[in-house]
Amino acid sequence: MPVFLNANAPDFEASFTALLSAKREEAVDVDDTVAAIIADVRARGDAAVIELTAKFDRLDLTPETLAFSRAEIAAEIAKVPSEERAALELAAARIRAYHDRQRPEDARWTDATGAELGWRWGPVAAAGLYVPGGLASYPSSVLMNAIPAQVAGVERLVICAPTPGGVVNPLVLLAAHIAGVDTVYRIGGAQAVAAMAYGTETIAPVDKITGPGNAYVAAAKRRVFGRVGIDMIAGPSEILVIADKDNDPEWIALDLLSQAEHDESAQSILITTDEGFGRAVAAAVDTRLETLERRAIAGPSWRDYGAVIVVEDLAQAAVLSDRIAPEHLELCVADPDALLAQIKHAGAVFLGQWTPEAIGDYAGGPNHVLPTARSARFSSGLSVLDFMKRTTLAKMTPEALRAIGPAAERLAISESLEAHGLSVRARLDKLNR
């Protein structure tokens, strides 16, 4: 059973704090292992990647077979049923249309001194997209990572998608094809991250690495950050549903289970103004768990980390929501826009009872790579901006330098940086002569 909390109970604050601070990931110390893998790949390149792939993925490769050939990709794509192809194409079109609107604009202007200022945006040159393999092989993640990078204008995109035991998910390769990515390496784990960050004889290094993965992938991304950019360190999935009693308990139960079935460490929370409705939803979850295909995963998630919180009103719900700062937030209330106005922190918000979170995972348009573990308080989901960088511009005229140069010189002197000040003074002296 999930935990039931009442926001007006005397012990609520202690119980709610415990819920927020519960560690949902196994305390596995993987950093030393990952450090050794990265060092090995840096030292031995292809040979290390090939050996580690044989060890962890039970797949024997050569430098020539690290990436899928065009013929292999075409053969796998041909296996995809037309209905699934159409669904991927629809999702890709919607994702592209949404992200096209995120492209930032350059700016340049002349201020009152005559100085010309501004900025320009440009893409990173190369990006590596990590796509999990095995049971957690998600073609939707290919679209969500590759399309924003393409919209940003990244020239070289590569994908690392492990194929444990040589088992390939044709949908992953089709999604790569639809997104316009031709190079797909069949490698994974920390060795794939290291190869993309430092390069090998066969794999050219990239400038940014994005995409979810297991604890080893997360640790590797953390370690290579600085050498390359990364999107985020993602934890287990989570959903918060705020719902009033005028909802179908079955619908809300399914929304909660949609995240619980991801991972035993995922977290699903319901906040409601009606205790009876909350118990009806919990009962509906229990009924669904009797037949759900992934009940062995969803069951422990709901049992160990699920929660139903009863609040006095939606204003109180909004306050608690901001403290949770959920990855996914559903507002299943009569006026979701009014409630949205009271909420500051969430990775993605789904407005109204006709907008299940699963729409956002696949075909809604917004990105599904989102901040977890309360990091929505200070970070955002993946976007076109993650694949771009801003360069500032400044151009002084003699008149502008005469107007602002003395202040720059004075500040340089106050910081004991003589050459800084002299570089300005030399030009001012030339003007004064």
Protein backbone atom coordinates (compact mmCIF):
# COMPACT_ATOMS: atom_id res chain seq x y z
CA MET A 1 0.00 0.00 0.00
CA PRO A 2 1.18 3.53 -0.69
CA VAL A 3 1.47 6.01 2.14
CA PHE A 4 -1.68 8.06 2.90
CA LEU A 5 -1.07 11.55 4.26
CA ASN A 6 -3.39 14.33 5.36
CA ALA A 7 -1.95 17.82 5.02
CA ASN A 8 -3.80 18.96 8.15
CA ALA A 9 -2.56 16.12 10.38
CA PRO A 10 -0.18 17.12 13.22
CA ASP A 11 2.59 14.84 11.94
CA PHE A 12 2.20 15.80 8.27
CA GLU A 13 5.32 17.94 7.96
CA ALA A 14 7.58 15.17 9.25
CA SER A 15 5.90 12.56 7.04
CA PHE A 16 6.00 14.78 3.94
CA THR A 17 9.66 15.63 4.49
CA ALA A 18 10.43 11.92 4.79
CA LEU A 19 8.59 11.31 1.52
CA LEU A 20 10.63 13.99 -0.25
CA SER A 21 13.94 12.77 1.12
CA ALA A 22 13.42 9.05 0.50
CA LYS A 23 16.31 7.68 -1.54
CA ARG A 24 14.78 5.91 -4.52
CA GLU A 25 17.93 4.62 -6.19
CA GLU A 26 20.03 1.72 -5.02
CA ALA A 27 23.14 2.86 -3.20
CA VAL A 28 25.44 1.14 -5.66
CA ASP A 29 28.95 2.54 -5.76
CA VAL A 30 29.65 2.50 -9.46
CA ASP A 31 32.00 5.47 -9.71
CA ASP A 32 35.25 3.53 -9.32
CA THR A 33 34.15 1.03 -11.96
CA VAL A 34 33.15 3.81 -14.33
CA ALA A 35 36.44 5.66 -13.77
CA ALA A 36 38.34 2.52 -14.73
CA ILE A 37 36.22 2.02 -17.86
CA ILE A 38 36.75 5.60 -19.00
CA ALA A 39 40.52 5.34 -18.43
CA ASP A 40 40.61 2.08 -20.38
CA VAL A 41 38.73 3.55 -23.35
CA ARG A 42 40.97 6.61 -23.36
CA ALA A 43 44.08 4.42 -23.34
CA ARG A 44 43.06 1.63 -25.72
CA GLY A 45 40.25 3.07 -27.84
CA ASP A 46 38.41 0.60 -30.04
CA ALA A 47 39.98 -2.42 -28.38
CA ALA A 48 38.63 -1.44 -24.96
CA VAL A 49 35.15 -0.66 -26.32
CA ILE A 50 35.03 -4.01 -28.12
CA GLU A 51 36.19 -5.99 -25.07
CA LEU A 52 33.73 -4.22 -22.75
CA THR A 53 30.86 -4.76 -25.19
CA ALA A 54 31.65 -8.48 -25.28
CA LYS A 55 31.77 -8.55 -21.48
CA PHE A 56 28.64 -6.58 -20.66
CA ASP A 57 26.46 -7.01 -23.77
CA ARG A 58 27.56 -10.51 -24.86
CA LEU A 59 28.21 -9.17 -28.34
CA ASP A 60 31.39 -9.67 -30.38
CA LEU A 61 32.26 -6.70 -32.58
CA THR A 62 35.13 -5.44 -34.70
CA PRO A 63 36.03 -1.84 -35.54
CA GLU A 64 34.17 -2.33 -38.81
CA THR A 65 30.97 -3.51 -37.10
CA LEU A 66 30.79 -1.03 -34.22
CA ALA A 67 28.22 0.89 -36.26
CA PHE A 68 25.26 -0.53 -38.15
CA SER A 69 25.80 -0.57 -41.90
CA ARG A 70 23.30 1.11 -44.19
CA ALA A 71 22.18 -2.31 -45.41
CA GLU A 72 21.60 -3.51 -41.84
CA ILE A 73 19.59 -0.41 -40.99
CA ALA A 74 17.47 -0.82 -44.11
CA ALA A 75 16.83 -4.49 -43.35
CA GLU A 76 15.77 -3.76 -39.75
CA ILE A 77 13.56 -0.83 -40.76
CA ALA A 78 11.74 -3.07 -43.22
CA LYS A 79 10.54 -5.20 -40.30
CA VAL A 80 8.52 -2.35 -38.76
CA PRO A 81 4.73 -2.65 -39.30
CA SER A 82 3.13 0.23 -41.20
CA GLU A 83 1.01 1.29 -38.20
CA GLU A 84 4.08 1.75 -36.00
CA ARG A 85 5.92 3.57 -38.77
CA ALA A 86 2.98 5.96 -39.17
CA ALA A 87 2.87 6.56 -35.40
CA LEU A 88 6.59 7.38 -35.29
CA GLU A 89 6.27 9.71 -38.27
CA LEU A 90 3.35 11.53 -36.67
CA ALA A 91 5.27 11.87 -33.40
CA ALA A 92 8.36 13.13 -35.23
CA ALA A 93 6.36 15.76 -37.11
CA ARG A 94 4.76 17.06 -33.92
CA ILE A 95 8.06 17.08 -32.01
CA ARG A 96 9.75 18.97 -34.85
CA ALA A 97 6.95 21.53 -35.12
CA TYR A 98 7.11 22.21 -31.36
CA HIS A 99 10.89 22.52 -31.25
CA ASP A 100 11.04 24.71 -34.36
CA ARG A 101 9.43 27.42 -32.22
CA GLN A 102 12.27 27.24 -29.68
CA ARG A 103 14.96 28.56 -32.01
CA PRO A 104 16.40 31.71 -30.43
CA GLU A 105 17.04 34.92 -32.35
CA ASP A 106 20.30 36.80 -32.71
CA ALA A 107 20.34 40.41 -31.53
CA ARG A 108 22.50 43.46 -32.18
CA TRP A 109 21.99 47.12 -31.23
CA THR A 110 23.83 50.41 -30.66
CA ASP A 111 23.58 51.97 -27.21
CA ALA A 112 23.68 55.63 -26.20
CA THR A 113 27.50 55.79 -26.20
CA GLY A 114 27.72 54.48 -29.75
CA ALA A 115 28.92 51.02 -28.65
CA GLU A 116 27.55 48.17 -30.71
CA LEU A 117 26.47 45.20 -28.59
CA GLY A 118 24.62 41.92 -29.05
CA TRP A 119 24.79 38.19 -29.25
CA ARG A 120 24.54 35.43 -31.77
CA TRP A 121 23.47 31.82 -31.41
CA GLY A 122 25.12 28.83 -33.02
CA PRO A 123 24.92 25.03 -32.71
CA VAL A 124 27.49 22.73 -31.21
CA ALA A 125 29.43 21.01 -33.98
CA ALA A 126 28.73 17.41 -32.96
CA ALA A 127 26.42 15.65 -30.51
CA GLY A 128 26.19 12.08 -29.25
CA LEU A 129 22.78 10.74 -28.31
CA TYR A 130 22.59 7.86 -25.86
CA VAL A 131 19.61 5.51 -26.25
CA PRO A 132 19.19 2.70 -23.69
CA GLY A 133 19.04 -0.87 -24.96
CA GLY A 134 17.56 -4.12 -23.71
CA LEU A 135 14.18 -3.92 -21.98
CA ALA A 136 14.38 -0.11 -21.78
CA SER A 137 14.81 0.46 -25.51
CA TYR A 138 12.76 3.50 -26.42
CA PRO A 139 12.47 4.78 -30.02
CA SER A 140 10.62 7.81 -28.64
CA SER A 141 13.84 8.86 -26.90
CA VAL A 142 15.63 8.85 -30.25
CA LEU A 143 13.14 11.40 -31.59
CA MET A 144 13.22 13.50 -28.42
CA ASN A 145 17.02 13.79 -28.51
CA ALA A 146 17.76 13.90 -32.23
CA ILE A 147 15.08 16.30 -33.46
CA PRO A 148 15.99 19.24 -31.16
CA ALA A 149 19.64 18.75 -32.15
CA GLN A 150 18.69 18.85 -35.82
CA VAL A 151 16.53 21.93 -35.37
CA ALA A 152 19.48 23.59 -33.61
CA GLY A 153 21.61 22.91 -36.70
CA VAL A 154 24.07 20.36 -35.27
CA GLU A 155 26.12 19.13 -38.25
CA ARG A 156 27.16 15.71 -36.94
CA LEU A 157 24.86 13.49 -34.91
CA VAL A 158 25.63 9.97 -33.75
CA ILE A 159 23.66 7.53 -31.63
CA CYS A 160 24.91 4.89 -29.22
CA ALA A 161 22.27 2.21 -28.70
CA PRO A 162 23.43 -1.06 -27.13
CA THR A 163 22.05 -4.35 -28.44
CA PRO A 164 22.57 -6.88 -25.63
CA GLY A 165 23.01 -10.34 -27.06
CA GLY A 166 22.77 -8.86 -30.52
CA VAL A 167 19.02 -8.20 -30.19
CA VAL A 168 18.06 -5.14 -32.21
CA ASN A 169 14.94 -3.00 -31.80
CA PRO A 170 13.99 -2.08 -35.39
CA LEU A 171 11.93 0.86 -34.10
CA VAL A 172 15.05 2.49 -32.68
CA LEU A 173 16.74 2.35 -36.08
CA LEU A 174 13.59 3.59 -37.81
CA ALA A 175 13.36 6.51 -35.38
CA ALA A 176 17.01 7.35 -36.11
CA HIS A 177 16.27 7.23 -39.84
CA ILE A 178 13.19 9.46 -39.50
CA ALA A 179 15.21 11.92 -37.40
CA GLY A 180 17.96 11.96 -40.03
CA VAL A 181 20.72 10.25 -38.02
CA ASP A 182 22.75 7.86 -40.18
CA THR A 183 25.41 6.71 -37.69
CA VAL A 184 24.21 4.33 -34.99
CA TYR A 185 26.80 2.52 -32.86
CA ARG A 186 25.67 -0.72 -31.21
CA ILE A 187 27.52 0.00 -27.98
CA GLY A 188 26.34 1.18 -24.58
CA GLY A 189 27.23 1.73 -20.96
CA ALA A 190 30.07 3.86 -19.62
CA GLN A 191 32.27 2.71 -22.51
CA ALA A 192 29.92 4.35 -25.03
CA VAL A 193 29.93 7.62 -23.10
CA ALA A 194 33.73 7.53 -22.89
CA ALA A 195 34.05 6.81 -26.61
CA MET A 196 31.82 9.74 -27.52
CA ALA A 197 33.61 12.06 -25.12
CA TYR A 198 37.24 11.19 -25.93
CA GLY A 199 37.00 9.44 -29.27
CA THR A 200 38.59 6.19 -30.48
CA GLU A 201 40.20 5.14 -33.74
CA THR A 202 36.70 4.59 -35.19
CA ILE A 203 34.45 6.89 -33.17
CA ALA A 204 35.08 10.62 -33.51
CA PRO A 205 34.55 12.64 -30.32
CA VAL A 206 31.50 14.88 -29.91
CA ASP A 207 30.89 18.15 -28.11
CA LYS A 208 27.72 17.26 -26.20
CA ILE A 209 26.18 14.03 -24.92
CA THR A 210 22.49 13.71 -24.15
CA GLY A 211 20.07 10.93 -23.34
CA PRO A 212 19.08 8.73 -20.38
CA GLY A 213 20.79 5.58 -19.13
CA ASN A 214 21.44 3.38 -16.12
CA ALA A 215 23.58 4.22 -13.10
CA TYR A 216 26.80 3.51 -15.03
CA VAL A 217 25.80 5.81 -17.88
CA ALA A 218 24.81 8.54 -15.41
CA ALA A 219 28.12 8.23 -13.55
CA ALA A 220 30.05 8.32 -16.83
CA LYS A 221 28.22 11.46 -17.97
CA ARG A 222 29.03 13.10 -14.67
CA ARG A 223 32.72 12.23 -15.07
CA VAL A 224 33.11 13.44 -18.66
CA PHE A 225 31.28 16.72 -18.02
CA GLY A 226 33.73 19.52 -18.73
CA ARG A 227 35.38 17.56 -21.49
CA VAL A 228 31.97 17.62 -23.20
CA GLY A 229 28.62 19.13 -22.34
CA ILE A 230 25.80 16.96 -21.02
CA ASP A 231 22.07 17.48 -20.71
CA MET A 232 21.40 16.32 -17.15
CA ILE A 233 21.87 13.46 -14.69
CA ALA A 234 18.44 11.85 -14.73
CA GLY A 235 17.05 9.72 -11.91
CA PRO A 236 14.00 7.45 -11.71
CA SER A 237 10.80 8.72 -13.34
CA GLU A 238 8.10 10.45 -11.30
CA ILE A 239 4.59 11.82 -11.65
CA LEU A 240 2.39 14.02 -9.46
CA VAL A 241 -1.32 14.16 -10.21
CA ILE A 242 -3.45 16.88 -8.60
CA ALA A 243 -7.07 15.82 -9.00
CA ASP A 244 -10.46 16.81 -7.63
CA LYS A 245 -13.27 14.35 -7.08
CA ASP A 246 -14.84 15.02 -10.49
CA ASN A 247 -12.51 12.55 -12.19
CA ASP A 248 -12.68 8.88 -13.10
CA PRO A 249 -10.60 7.03 -10.47
CA GLU A 250 -9.63 4.48 -13.11
CA TRP A 251 -8.13 7.17 -15.35
CA ILE A 252 -6.05 8.63 -12.53
CA ALA A 253 -4.95 5.16 -11.43
CA LEU A 254 -3.67 4.45 -14.93
CA ASP A 255 -1.84 7.78 -15.04
CA LEU A 256 -0.07 6.91 -11.78
CA LEU A 257 0.82 3.45 -13.10
CA SER A 258 2.15 4.91 -16.34
CA GLN A 259 5.23 6.05 -14.42
CA ALA A 260 5.32 3.26 -11.86
CA GLU A 261 5.78 0.71 -14.66
CA HIS A 262 9.02 2.40 -15.76
CA ASP A 263 11.11 1.39 -12.78
CA GLU A 264 10.76 -0.09 -9.30
CA SER A 265 12.30 3.17 -8.07
CA ALA A 266 9.82 5.40 -9.92
CA GLN A 267 7.45 7.50 -7.83
CA SER A 268 3.74 8.23 -8.33
CA ILE A 269 1.92 10.70 -6.07
CA LEU A 270 -1.71 11.80 -5.99
CA ILE A 271 -2.79 15.02 -4.28
CA THR A 272 -6.56 15.39 -3.93
CA THR A 273 -9.06 17.51 -2.07
CA ASP A 274 -11.30 14.49 -1.43
CA GLU A 275 -10.16 11.57 0.74
CA GLY A 276 -12.82 9.23 -0.62
CA PHE A 277 -11.64 9.88 -4.15
CA GLY A 278 -8.05 9.24 -3.11
CA ARG A 279 -8.98 5.86 -1.67
CA ALA A 280 -11.00 5.03 -4.79
CA VAL A 281 -7.93 5.74 -6.94
CA ALA A 282 -5.74 3.57 -4.70
CA ALA A 283 -8.27 0.74 -4.99
CA ALA A 284 -8.28 1.13 -8.77
CA VAL A 285 -4.48 0.92 -8.82
CA ASP A 286 -4.61 -2.32 -6.83
CA THR A 287 -7.16 -3.79 -9.23
CA ARG A 288 -5.08 -2.86 -12.28
CA LEU A 289 -1.95 -4.33 -10.71
CA GLU A 290 -3.57 -7.75 -10.75
CA THR A 291 -3.38 -7.87 -14.56
CA LEU A 292 -0.82 -5.24 -15.62
CA GLU A 293 1.95 -6.79 -17.74
CA ARG A 294 4.67 -4.91 -15.85
CA ARG A 295 3.13 -5.44 -12.41
CA ALA A 296 6.40 -6.88 -11.11
CA ILE A 297 7.90 -3.43 -11.63
CA ALA A 298 4.90 -1.17 -11.06
CA GLY A 299 3.80 -2.99 -7.90
CA PRO A 300 6.98 -2.38 -5.86
CA SER A 301 7.15 1.22 -7.14
CA TRP A 302 3.61 1.97 -5.94
CA ARG A 303 4.07 0.04 -2.70
CA ASP A 304 7.42 1.54 -1.71
CA TYR A 305 7.27 5.07 -3.09
CA GLY A 306 3.63 5.84 -3.95
CA ALA A 307 1.61 8.34 -1.94
CA VAL A 308 -1.89 9.78 -1.67
CA ILE A 309 -2.04 13.21 -0.02
CA VAL A 310 -5.33 14.79 1.04
CA VAL A 311 -5.35 18.61 1.13
CA GLU A 312 -7.87 21.21 2.24
CA ASP A 313 -7.92 23.09 -1.09
CA LEU A 314 -6.06 23.49 -4.38
CA ALA A 315 -4.00 26.40 -3.04
CA GLN A 316 -2.50 23.99 -0.51
CA ALA A 317 -1.98 21.47 -3.33
CA ALA A 318 -0.01 24.06 -5.31
CA VAL A 319 2.30 24.77 -2.36
CA LEU A 320 3.04 21.06 -1.92
CA SER A 321 3.53 20.61 -5.66
CA ASP A 322 6.23 23.27 -5.70
CA ARG A 323 8.01 21.52 -2.86
CA ILE A 324 7.92 18.27 -4.82
CA ALA A 325 8.94 19.99 -8.11
CA PRO A 326 7.85 16.92 -10.07
CA GLU A 327 9.18 15.70 -13.39
CA HIS A 328 5.59 15.26 -14.67
CA LEU A 329 2.62 17.17 -13.25
CA GLU A 330 -0.99 16.49 -14.22
CA LEU A 331 -3.62 19.07 -13.22
CA CYS A 332 -6.91 17.14 -13.39
CA VAL A 333 -9.13 19.87 -11.98
CA ALA A 334 -12.02 21.98 -13.24
CA ASP A 335 -9.83 25.02 -14.03
CA PRO A 336 -6.29 23.75 -14.65
CA ASP A 337 -5.04 27.08 -15.99
CA ALA A 338 -5.99 28.85 -12.75
CA LEU A 339 -4.10 26.23 -10.76
CA LEU A 340 -1.14 26.41 -13.15
CA ALA A 341 -0.81 30.11 -12.34
CA GLN A 342 -0.09 29.18 -8.71
CA ILE A 343 2.65 26.64 -9.56
CA LYS A 344 6.28 27.54 -10.24
CA HIS A 345 8.28 24.30 -10.39
CA ALA A 346 7.62 21.33 -12.69
CA GLY A 347 9.40 19.67 -15.58
CA ALA A 348 6.28 19.32 -17.73
CA VAL A 349 2.64 20.16 -16.98
CA PHE A 350 -0.39 18.38 -18.46
CA LEU A 351 -3.57 20.45 -18.25
CA GLY A 352 -6.95 18.85 -17.70
CA GLN A 353 -8.28 15.34 -17.45
CA TRP A 354 -8.04 14.76 -21.21
CA THR A 355 -4.25 15.18 -21.20
CA PRO A 356 -2.58 12.05 -19.82
CA GLU A 357 1.16 12.27 -19.26
CA ALA A 358 1.69 9.45 -21.80
CA ILE A 359 0.74 11.89 -24.58
CA GLY A 360 3.84 13.87 -23.63
CA ASP A 361 6.00 10.77 -23.74
CA TYR A 362 5.22 10.15 -27.37
CA ALA A 363 3.32 12.49 -29.63
CA GLY A 364 2.30 15.68 -27.83
CA GLY A 365 5.24 17.71 -29.10
CA PRO A 366 7.12 18.91 -25.99
CA ASN A 367 10.24 17.00 -25.00
CA HIS A 368 10.03 14.05 -22.62
CA VAL A 369 13.64 14.32 -21.39
CA LEU A 370 12.89 16.12 -18.14
CA PRO A 371 14.49 17.04 -14.80
CA THR A 372 13.93 14.54 -11.98
CA ALA A 373 14.62 14.34 -8.25
CA ARG A 374 13.25 17.86 -7.56
CA SER A 375 15.74 19.42 -9.99
CA ALA A 376 12.84 21.13 -11.79
CA ARG A 377 13.38 23.80 -9.12
CA PHE A 378 16.41 24.99 -11.12
CA SER A 379 16.53 23.22 -14.48
CA SER A 380 14.46 22.56 -17.59
CA GLY A 381 13.70 19.72 -19.94
CA LEU A 382 15.76 19.06 -23.07
CA SER A 383 15.29 21.69 -25.78
CA VAL A 384 16.85 23.18 -28.88
CA LEU A 385 18.86 25.48 -26.60
CA ASP A 386 20.69 22.47 -25.16
CA PHE A 387 22.36 22.04 -28.54
CA MET A 388 23.20 25.71 -29.01
CA LYS A 389 25.55 28.21 -27.44
CA ARG A 390 25.40 32.00 -27.25
CA THR A 391 28.35 34.17 -28.22
CA THR A 392 28.30 37.78 -27.00
CA LEU A 393 29.36 40.63 -29.32
CA ALA A 394 30.82 44.04 -28.56
CA LYS A 395 32.22 46.74 -30.85
CA MET A 396 33.57 50.03 -29.53
CA THR A 397 33.84 53.23 -31.52
CA PRO A 398 36.40 55.82 -30.43
CA GLU A 399 33.57 57.82 -28.89
CA ALA A 400 32.21 54.79 -27.01
CA LEU A 401 35.66 53.92 -25.68
CA ARG A 402 36.13 57.51 -24.52
CA ALA A 403 32.79 57.30 -22.67
CA ILE A 404 33.21 53.97 -20.87
CA GLY A 405 36.95 53.27 -21.04
CA PRO A 406 37.91 55.26 -17.92
CA ALA A 407 35.51 53.20 -15.80
CA ALA A 408 37.01 49.97 -17.14
CA GLU A 409 40.51 51.29 -16.43
CA ARG A 410 39.57 52.29 -12.89
CA LEU A 411 38.08 48.87 -12.13
CA ALA A 412 41.15 47.11 -13.53
CA ILE A 413 43.41 49.17 -11.25
CA SER A 414 41.20 48.35 -8.26
CA GLU A 415 41.67 44.65 -9.02
CA SER A 416 45.47 45.07 -9.41
CA LEU A 417 45.38 43.93 -13.03
CA GLU A 418 47.82 46.40 -14.53
CA ALA A 419 47.87 45.13 -18.12
CA HIS A 420 44.06 45.21 -18.24
CA GLY A 421 44.06 48.88 -17.35
CA LEU A 422 46.97 49.74 -19.63
CA SER A 423 45.27 48.08 -22.63
CA VAL A 424 42.45 50.61 -22.23
CA ARG A 425 44.71 53.56 -21.30
CA ALA A 426 46.89 53.11 -24.39
CA ARG A 427 43.86 53.62 -26.62
CA LEU A 428 42.53 56.52 -24.58
CA ASP A 429 45.90 58.23 -24.77
CA LYS A 430 45.88 57.81 -28.54
CA LEU A 431 42.44 59.45 -28.67
CA ASN A 432 43.53 62.28 -26.42
CA ARG A 433 46.55 63.01 -28.61
